[in-house]
Amino acid sequence: MEAINITELRKNMKSTLDRVVDDSKEIIIHRPNRKDVVLVALDELNSLKETLFLVFSDKNRKRLLEGIDQVNTGKTTAIKIDEL
């Protein structure tokens, strides 16, 4: 993860924001005498929030892990879209 200070961000706002979006990068912004913040693209944030939501429940997390295990061990059944 890249880190810059607030002065750099002010000087290079457009290119910094473009890098965050175009390269799917998170950038830490160091602020003097304040807590640091992180720039992240909105679609990345939404993806992280969705993942947290899906794994928050023990029951749902277990089902997801079982599904991943089934795929990894070849315990799946192929069906055609028109059969759905």
PDB file of N, CA and C in Angstrom:
ATOM      1  N   MET A   1       0.853  -1.167   0.000  1.00  0.00           N
ATOM      2  CA  MET A   1       0.000   0.000   0.000  1.00  0.00           C
ATOM      3  C   MET A   1       0.901   1.232   0.000  1.00  0.00           C
ATOM      4  N   GLU A   2       0.606   2.128  -0.884  1.00  0.00           N
ATOM      5  CA  GLU A   2       1.382   3.358  -1.011  1.00  0.00           C
ATOM      6  C   GLU A   2       0.957   4.352   0.070  1.00  0.00           C
ATOM      7  N   ALA A   3       1.877   5.207   0.470  1.00  0.00           N
ATOM      8  CA  ALA A   3       1.570   6.240   1.453  1.00  0.00           C
ATOM      9  C   ALA A   3       2.121   7.573   0.965  1.00  0.00           C
ATOM     10  N   ILE A   4       1.319   8.616   1.137  1.00  0.00           N
ATOM     11  CA  ILE A   4       1.757   9.966   0.795  1.00  0.00           C
ATOM     12  C   ILE A   4       1.317  10.906   1.908  1.00  0.00           C
ATOM     13  N   ASN A   5       1.854  12.113   1.904  1.00  0.00           N
ATOM     14  CA  ASN A   5       1.405  13.076   2.906  1.00  0.00           C
ATOM     15  C   ASN A   5       0.340  13.990   2.300  1.00  0.00           C
ATOM     16  N   ILE A   6      -0.274  14.774   3.131  1.00  0.00           N
ATOM     17  CA  ILE A   6      -1.400  15.602   2.701  1.00  0.00           C
ATOM     18  C   ILE A   6      -0.963  16.648   1.681  1.00  0.00           C
ATOM     19  N   THR A   7       0.260  17.141   1.800  1.00  0.00           N
ATOM     20  CA  THR A   7       0.769  18.128   0.843  1.00  0.00           C
ATOM     21  C   THR A   7       0.891  17.517  -0.546  1.00  0.00           C
ATOM     22  N   GLU A   8       1.427  16.300  -0.618  1.00  0.00           N
ATOM     23  CA  GLU A   8       1.518  15.597  -1.902  1.00  0.00           C
ATOM     24  C   GLU A   8       0.132  15.389  -2.503  1.00  0.00           C
ATOM     25  N   LEU A   9      -0.812  15.024  -1.667  1.00  0.00           N
ATOM     26  CA  LEU A   9      -2.174  14.808  -2.152  1.00  0.00           C
ATOM     27  C   LEU A   9      -2.735  16.081  -2.749  1.00  0.00           C
ATOM     28  N   ARG A  10      -2.545  17.197  -2.064  1.00  0.00           N
ATOM     29  CA  ARG A  10      -3.050  18.472  -2.578  1.00  0.00           C
ATOM     30  C   ARG A  10      -2.424  18.823  -3.925  1.00  0.00           C
ATOM     31  N   LYS A  11      -1.131  18.587  -4.064  1.00  0.00           N
ATOM     32  CA  LYS A  11      -0.425  18.926  -5.311  1.00  0.00           C
ATOM     33  C   LYS A  11      -0.851  18.032  -6.464  1.00  0.00           C
ATOM     34  N   ASN A  12      -1.144  16.766  -6.158  1.00  0.00           N
ATOM     35  CA  ASN A  12      -1.385  15.762  -7.200  1.00  0.00           C
ATOM     36  C   ASN A  12      -2.740  15.079  -7.047  1.00  0.00           C
ATOM     37  N   MET A  13      -3.740  15.854  -6.691  1.00  0.00           N
ATOM     38  CA  MET A  13      -5.055  15.279  -6.387  1.00  0.00           C
ATOM     39  C   MET A  13      -5.598  14.432  -7.540  1.00  0.00           C
ATOM     40  N   LYS A  14      -5.648  14.978  -8.742  1.00  0.00           N
ATOM     41  CA  LYS A  14      -6.249  14.249  -9.861  1.00  0.00           C
ATOM     42  C   LYS A  14      -5.499  12.960 -10.158  1.00  0.00           C
ATOM     43  N   SER A  15      -4.174  13.024 -10.273  1.00  0.00           N
ATOM     44  CA  SER A  15      -3.411  11.812 -10.604  1.00  0.00           C
ATOM     45  C   SER A  15      -3.487  10.789  -9.469  1.00  0.00           C
ATOM     46  N   THR A  16      -3.536  11.253  -8.232  1.00  0.00           N
ATOM     47  CA  THR A  16      -3.646  10.332  -7.101  1.00  0.00           C
ATOM     48  C   THR A  16      -4.995   9.614  -7.122  1.00  0.00           C
ATOM     49  N   LEU A  17      -6.047  10.371  -7.336  1.00  0.00           N
ATOM     50  CA  LEU A  17      -7.379   9.762  -7.391  1.00  0.00           C
ATOM     51  C   LEU A  17      -7.492   8.814  -8.581  1.00  0.00           C
ATOM     52  N   ASP A  18      -6.897   9.197  -9.708  1.00  0.00           N
ATOM     53  CA  ASP A  18      -6.906   8.307 -10.873  1.00  0.00           C
ATOM     54  C   ASP A  18      -6.183   6.997 -10.581  1.00  0.00           C
ATOM     55  N   ARG A  19      -5.046   7.059  -9.869  1.00  0.00           N
ATOM     56  CA  ARG A  19      -4.308   5.828  -9.528  1.00  0.00           C
ATOM     57  C   ARG A  19      -5.144   4.937  -8.620  1.00  0.00           C
ATOM     58  N   VAL A  20      -5.838   5.540  -7.681  1.00  0.00           N
ATOM     59  CA  VAL A  20      -6.683   4.765  -6.762  1.00  0.00           C
ATOM     60  C   VAL A  20      -7.741   3.993  -7.547  1.00  0.00           C
ATOM     61  N   VAL A  21      -8.378   4.657  -8.498  1.00  0.00           N
ATOM     62  CA  VAL A  21      -9.451   4.029  -9.266  1.00  0.00           C
ATOM     63  C   VAL A  21      -8.898   3.105 -10.355  1.00  0.00           C
ATOM     64  N   ASP A  22      -7.976   3.616 -11.159  1.00  0.00           N
ATOM     65  CA  ASP A  22      -7.496   2.858 -12.315  1.00  0.00           C
ATOM     66  C   ASP A  22      -6.667   1.644 -11.934  1.00  0.00           C
ATOM     67  N   ASP A  23      -5.890   1.748 -10.859  1.00  0.00           N
ATOM     68  CA  ASP A  23      -4.991   0.659 -10.456  1.00  0.00           C
ATOM     69  C   ASP A  23      -5.525  -0.144  -9.280  1.00  0.00           C
ATOM     70  N   SER A  24      -6.753   0.142  -8.848  1.00  0.00           N
ATOM     71  CA  SER A  24      -7.339  -0.508  -7.663  1.00  0.00           C
ATOM     72  C   SER A  24      -6.361  -0.483  -6.488  1.00  0.00           C
ATOM     73  N   LYS A  25      -5.810   0.691  -6.234  1.00  0.00           N
ATOM     74  CA  LYS A  25      -4.838   0.869  -5.149  1.00  0.00           C
ATOM     75  C   LYS A  25      -5.488   1.571  -3.970  1.00  0.00           C
ATOM     76  N   GLU A  26      -5.012   1.229  -2.795  1.00  0.00           N
ATOM     77  CA  GLU A  26      -5.365   2.013  -1.625  1.00  0.00           C
ATOM     78  C   GLU A  26      -4.155   2.888  -1.325  1.00  0.00           C
ATOM     79  N   ILE A  27      -4.388   4.127  -0.940  1.00  0.00           N
ATOM     80  CA  ILE A  27      -3.288   5.035  -0.623  1.00  0.00           C
ATOM     81  C   ILE A  27      -3.531   5.613   0.761  1.00  0.00           C
ATOM     82  N   ILE A  28      -2.545   5.462   1.612  1.00  0.00           N
ATOM     83  CA  ILE A  28      -2.606   6.027   2.964  1.00  0.00           C
ATOM     84  C   ILE A  28      -2.216   7.496   2.877  1.00  0.00           C
ATOM     85  N   ILE A  29      -2.996   8.345   3.517  1.00  0.00           N
ATOM     86  CA  ILE A  29      -2.685   9.762   3.580  1.00  0.00           C
ATOM     87  C   ILE A  29      -2.249  10.077   5.008  1.00  0.00           C
ATOM     88  N   HIS A  30      -0.972  10.417   5.165  1.00  0.00           N
ATOM     89  CA  HIS A  30      -0.454  10.806   6.481  1.00  0.00           C
ATOM     90  C   HIS A  30      -0.808  12.263   6.735  1.00  0.00           C
ATOM     91  N   ARG A  31      -1.363  12.527   7.909  1.00  0.00           N
ATOM     92  CA  ARG A  31      -1.728  13.899   8.277  1.00  0.00           C
ATOM     93  C   ARG A  31      -1.019  14.253   9.576  1.00  0.00           C
ATOM     94  N   PRO A  32      -0.346  15.375   9.608  1.00  0.00           N
ATOM     95  CA  PRO A  32       0.371  15.751  10.828  1.00  0.00           C
ATOM     96  C   PRO A  32      -0.590  15.965  12.003  1.00  0.00           C
ATOM     97  N   ASN A  33      -0.255  15.346  13.107  1.00  0.00           N
ATOM     98  CA  ASN A  33      -1.029  15.487  14.348  1.00  0.00           C
ATOM     99  C   ASN A  33      -2.481  15.027  14.233  1.00  0.00           C
ATOM    100  N   ARG A  34      -2.768  14.221  13.257  1.00  0.00           N
ATOM    101  CA  ARG A  34      -4.113  13.672  13.066  1.00  0.00           C
ATOM    102  C   ARG A  34      -3.976  12.214  12.676  1.00  0.00           C
ATOM    103  N   LYS A  35      -5.063  11.473  12.776  1.00  0.00           N
ATOM    104  CA  LYS A  35      -5.040  10.083  12.340  1.00  0.00           C
ATOM    105  C   LYS A  35      -4.928  10.034  10.824  1.00  0.00           C
ATOM    106  N   ASP A  36      -4.221   9.019  10.332  1.00  0.00           N
ATOM    107  CA  ASP A  36      -4.108   8.810   8.897  1.00  0.00           C
ATOM    108  C   ASP A  36      -5.446   8.345   8.332  1.00  0.00           C
ATOM    109  N   VAL A  37      -5.626   8.566   7.044  1.00  0.00           N
ATOM    110  CA  VAL A  37      -6.817   8.091   6.343  1.00  0.00           C
ATOM    111  C   VAL A  37      -6.374   7.293   5.125  1.00  0.00           C
ATOM    112  N   VAL A  38      -7.302   6.535   4.564  1.00  0.00           N
ATOM    113  CA  VAL A  38      -6.995   5.729   3.385  1.00  0.00           C
ATOM    114  C   VAL A  38      -7.954   6.110   2.273  1.00  0.00           C
ATOM    115  N   LEU A  39      -7.382   6.346   1.087  1.00  0.00           N
ATOM    116  CA  LEU A  39      -8.184   6.556  -0.110  1.00  0.00           C
ATOM    117  C   LEU A  39      -8.409   5.202  -0.755  1.00  0.00           C
ATOM    118  N   VAL A  40      -9.652   4.902  -1.052  1.00  0.00           N
ATOM    119  CA  VAL A  40      -9.995   3.640  -1.707  1.00  0.00           C
ATOM    120  C   VAL A  40     -11.141   3.916  -2.674  1.00  0.00           C
ATOM    121  N   ALA A  41     -11.133   3.259  -3.821  1.00  0.00           N
ATOM    122  CA  ALA A  41     -12.204   3.438  -4.805  1.00  0.00           C
ATOM    123  C   ALA A  41     -13.528   2.935  -4.229  1.00  0.00           C
ATOM    124  N   LEU A  42     -14.601   3.584  -4.617  1.00  0.00           N
ATOM    125  CA  LEU A  42     -15.918   3.225  -4.098  1.00  0.00           C
ATOM    126  C   LEU A  42     -16.276   1.777  -4.394  1.00  0.00           C
ATOM    127  N   ASP A  43     -15.981   1.291  -5.600  1.00  0.00           N
ATOM    128  CA  ASP A  43     -16.335  -0.100  -5.904  1.00  0.00           C
ATOM    129  C   ASP A  43     -15.536  -1.078  -5.048  1.00  0.00           C
ATOM    130  N   GLU A  44     -14.291  -0.723  -4.717  1.00  0.00           N
ATOM    131  CA  GLU A  44     -13.493  -1.565  -3.815  1.00  0.00           C
ATOM    132  C   GLU A  44     -14.086  -1.562  -2.410  1.00  0.00           C
ATOM    133  N   LEU A  45     -14.487  -0.403  -1.932  1.00  0.00           N
ATOM    134  CA  LEU A  45     -15.100  -0.306  -0.608  1.00  0.00           C
ATOM    135  C   LEU A  45     -16.390  -1.126  -0.555  1.00  0.00           C
ATOM    136  N   ASN A  46     -17.211  -0.990  -1.588  1.00  0.00           N
ATOM    137  CA  ASN A  46     -18.458  -1.757  -1.618  1.00  0.00           C
ATOM    138  C   ASN A  46     -18.188  -3.256  -1.632  1.00  0.00           C
ATOM    139  N   SER A  47     -17.170  -3.675  -2.364  1.00  0.00           N
ATOM    140  CA  SER A  47     -16.806  -5.088  -2.408  1.00  0.00           C
ATOM    141  C   SER A  47     -16.359  -5.578  -1.028  1.00  0.00           C
ATOM    142  N   LEU A  48     -15.537  -4.789  -0.357  1.00  0.00           N
ATOM    143  CA  LEU A  48     -15.091  -5.154   0.992  1.00  0.00           C
ATOM    144  C   LEU A  48     -16.269  -5.248   1.958  1.00  0.00           C
ATOM    145  N   LYS A  49     -17.178  -4.292   1.876  1.00  0.00           N
ATOM    146  CA  LYS A  49     -18.339  -4.306   2.759  1.00  0.00           C
ATOM    147  C   LYS A  49     -19.224  -5.517   2.493  1.00  0.00           C
ATOM    148  N   GLU A  50     -19.397  -5.865   1.220  1.00  0.00           N
ATOM    149  CA  GLU A  50     -20.202  -7.035   0.883  1.00  0.00           C
ATOM    150  C   GLU A  50     -19.554  -8.313   1.411  1.00  0.00           C
ATOM    151  N   THR A  51     -18.238  -8.411   1.255  1.00  0.00           N
ATOM    152  CA  THR A  51     -17.521  -9.592   1.769  1.00  0.00           C
ATOM    153  C   THR A  51     -17.684  -9.696   3.278  1.00  0.00           C
ATOM    154  N   LEU A  52     -17.521  -8.590   3.983  1.00  0.00           N
ATOM    155  CA  LEU A  52     -17.714  -8.606   5.436  1.00  0.00           C
ATOM    156  C   LEU A  52     -19.120  -9.049   5.801  1.00  0.00           C
ATOM    157  N   PHE A  53     -20.100  -8.552   5.065  1.00  0.00           N
ATOM    158  CA  PHE A  53     -21.485  -8.933   5.327  1.00  0.00           C
ATOM    159  C   PHE A  53     -21.673 -10.442   5.150  1.00  0.00           C
ATOM    160  N   LEU A  54     -21.087 -10.983   4.070  1.00  0.00           N
ATOM    161  CA  LEU A  54     -21.271 -12.405   3.768  1.00  0.00           C
ATOM    162  C   LEU A  54     -20.598 -13.318   4.784  1.00  0.00           C
ATOM    163  N   VAL A  55     -19.467 -12.922   5.328  1.00  0.00           N
ATOM    164  CA  VAL A  55     -18.753 -13.795   6.259  1.00  0.00           C
ATOM    165  C   VAL A  55     -19.031 -13.460   7.724  1.00  0.00           C
ATOM    166  N   PHE A  56     -19.833 -12.436   7.986  1.00  0.00           N
ATOM    167  CA  PHE A  56     -20.121 -12.045   9.366  1.00  0.00           C
ATOM    168  C   PHE A  56     -20.886 -13.130  10.114  1.00  0.00           C
ATOM    169  N   SER A  57     -21.837 -13.751   9.438  1.00  0.00           N
ATOM    170  CA  SER A  57     -22.639 -14.805  10.051  1.00  0.00           C
ATOM    171  C   SER A  57     -21.862 -16.122  10.026  1.00  0.00           C
ATOM    172  N   ASP A  58     -21.776 -16.785  11.173  1.00  0.00           N
ATOM    173  CA  ASP A  58     -21.087 -18.080  11.237  1.00  0.00           C
ATOM    174  C   ASP A  58     -21.706 -19.088  10.270  1.00  0.00           C
ATOM    175  N   LYS A  59     -23.041 -19.104  10.209  1.00  0.00           N
ATOM    176  CA  LYS A  59     -23.742 -20.058   9.356  1.00  0.00           C
ATOM    177  C   LYS A  59     -23.426 -19.784   7.880  1.00  0.00           C
ATOM    178  N   ASN A  60     -23.473 -18.525   7.475  1.00  0.00           N
ATOM    179  CA  ASN A  60     -23.207 -18.182   6.079  1.00  0.00           C
ATOM    180  C   ASN A  60     -21.745 -18.434   5.724  1.00  0.00           C
ATOM    181  N   ARG A  61     -20.836 -18.092   6.632  1.00  0.00           N
ATOM    182  CA  ARG A  61     -19.411 -18.333   6.395  1.00  0.00           C
ATOM    183  C   ARG A  61     -19.152 -19.829   6.198  1.00  0.00           C
ATOM    184  N   LYS A  62     -19.797 -20.662   7.017  1.00  0.00           N
ATOM    185  CA  LYS A  62     -19.636 -22.110   6.903  1.00  0.00           C
ATOM    186  C   LYS A  62     -20.133 -22.605   5.549  1.00  0.00           C
ATOM    187  N   ARG A  63     -21.288 -22.094   5.098  1.00  0.00           N
ATOM    188  CA  ARG A  63     -21.832 -22.509   3.801  1.00  0.00           C
ATOM    189  C   ARG A  63     -20.911 -22.098   2.650  1.00  0.00           C
ATOM    190  N   LEU A  64     -20.351 -20.887   2.747  1.00  0.00           N
ATOM    191  CA  LEU A  64     -19.434 -20.420   1.702  1.00  0.00           C
ATOM    192  C   LEU A  64     -18.175 -21.281   1.652  1.00  0.00           C
ATOM    193  N   LEU A  65     -17.624 -21.593   2.820  1.00  0.00           N
ATOM    194  CA  LEU A  65     -16.411 -22.409   2.867  1.00  0.00           C
ATOM    195  C   LEU A  65     -16.682 -23.828   2.369  1.00  0.00           C
ATOM    196  N   GLU A  66     -17.859 -24.366   2.680  1.00  0.00           N
ATOM    197  CA  GLU A  66     -18.226 -25.691   2.162  1.00  0.00           C
ATOM    198  C   GLU A  66     -18.333 -25.658   0.640  1.00  0.00           C
ATOM    199  N   GLY A  67     -18.910 -24.600   0.097  1.00  0.00           N
ATOM    200  CA  GLY A  67     -19.024 -24.469  -1.349  1.00  0.00           C
ATOM    201  C   GLY A  67     -17.656 -24.377  -2.017  1.00  0.00           C
ATOM    202  N   ILE A  68     -16.762 -23.605  -1.430  1.00  0.00           N
ATOM    203  CA  ILE A  68     -15.397 -23.496  -1.968  1.00  0.00           C
ATOM    204  C   ILE A  68     -14.718 -24.856  -1.929  1.00  0.00           C
ATOM    205  N   ASP A  69     -14.899 -25.582  -0.834  1.00  0.00           N
ATOM    206  CA  ASP A  69     -14.301 -26.914  -0.710  1.00  0.00           C
ATOM    207  C   ASP A  69     -14.862 -27.862  -1.775  1.00  0.00           C
ATOM    208  N   GLN A  70     -16.158 -27.781  -2.034  1.00  0.00           N
ATOM    209  CA  GLN A  70     -16.772 -28.630  -3.060  1.00  0.00           C
ATOM    210  C   GLN A  70     -16.181 -28.337  -4.434  1.00  0.00           C
ATOM    211  N   VAL A  71     -15.979 -27.075  -4.737  1.00  0.00           N
ATOM    212  CA  VAL A  71     -15.373 -26.713  -6.026  1.00  0.00           C
ATOM    213  C   VAL A  71     -13.939 -27.226  -6.095  1.00  0.00           C
ATOM    214  N   ASN A  72     -13.184 -27.034  -5.029  1.00  0.00           N
ATOM    215  CA  ASN A  72     -11.774 -27.443  -5.013  1.00  0.00           C
ATOM    216  C   ASN A  72     -11.583 -28.954  -5.083  1.00  0.00           C
ATOM    217  N   THR A  73     -12.562 -29.709  -4.601  1.00  0.00           N
ATOM    218  CA  THR A  73     -12.433 -31.168  -4.604  1.00  0.00           C
ATOM    219  C   THR A  73     -13.225 -31.817  -5.742  1.00  0.00           C
ATOM    220  N   GLY A  74     -13.778 -31.000  -6.634  1.00  0.00           N
ATOM    221  CA  GLY A  74     -14.495 -31.526  -7.792  1.00  0.00           C
ATOM    222  C   GLY A  74     -15.860 -32.096  -7.474  1.00  0.00           C
ATOM    223  N   LYS A  75     -16.435 -31.744  -6.351  1.00  0.00           N
ATOM    224  CA  LYS A  75     -17.755 -32.254  -5.969  1.00  0.00           C
ATOM    225  C   LYS A  75     -18.847 -31.290  -6.443  1.00  0.00           C
ATOM    226  N   THR A  76     -18.863 -31.043  -7.733  1.00  0.00           N
ATOM    227  CA  THR A  76     -19.852 -30.142  -8.310  1.00  0.00           C
ATOM    228  C   THR A  76     -20.583 -30.838  -9.458  1.00  0.00           C
ATOM    229  N   THR A  77     -21.697 -30.288  -9.833  1.00  0.00           N
ATOM    230  CA  THR A  77     -22.464 -30.832 -10.935  1.00  0.00           C
ATOM    231  C   THR A  77     -22.647 -29.729 -11.983  1.00  0.00           C
ATOM    232  N   ALA A  78     -22.297 -30.027 -13.218  1.00  0.00           N
ATOM    233  CA  ALA A  78     -22.451 -29.062 -14.299  1.00  0.00           C
ATOM    234  C   ALA A  78     -23.884 -29.103 -14.803  1.00  0.00           C
ATOM    235  N   ILE A  79     -24.471 -27.934 -14.971  1.00  0.00           N
ATOM    236  CA  ILE A  79     -25.802 -27.850 -15.569  1.00  0.00           C
ATOM    237  C   ILE A  79     -25.784 -26.740 -16.631  1.00  0.00           C
ATOM    238  N   LYS A  80     -26.669 -26.866 -17.585  1.00  0.00           N
ATOM    239  CA  LYS A  80     -26.782 -25.847 -18.638  1.00  0.00           C
ATOM    240  C   LYS A  80     -27.729 -24.757 -18.174  1.00  0.00           C
ATOM    241  N   ILE A  81     -27.506 -23.568 -18.684  1.00  0.00           N
ATOM    242  CA  ILE A  81     -28.318 -22.423 -18.279  1.00  0.00           C
ATOM    243  C   ILE A  81     -29.794 -22.678 -18.559  1.00  0.00           C
ATOM    244  N   ASP A  82     -30.110 -23.285 -19.676  1.00  0.00           N
ATOM    245  CA  ASP A  82     -31.519 -23.519 -20.011  1.00  0.00           C
ATOM    246  C   ASP A  82     -32.171 -24.570 -19.092  1.00  0.00           C
ATOM    247  N   GLU A  83     -31.367 -25.264 -18.271  1.00  0.00           N
ATOM    248  CA  GLU A  83     -31.912 -26.234 -17.324  1.00  0.00           C
ATOM    249  C   GLU A  83     -32.285 -25.580 -15.991  1.00  0.00           C
ATOM    250  N   LEU A  84     -31.945 -24.311 -15.844  1.00  0.00           N
ATOM    251  CA  LEU A  84     -32.230 -23.626 -14.580  1.00  0.00           C
ATOM    252  C   LEU A  84     -33.657 -23.255 -14.430  1.00  0.00           C
TER     253      LEU A  84
END
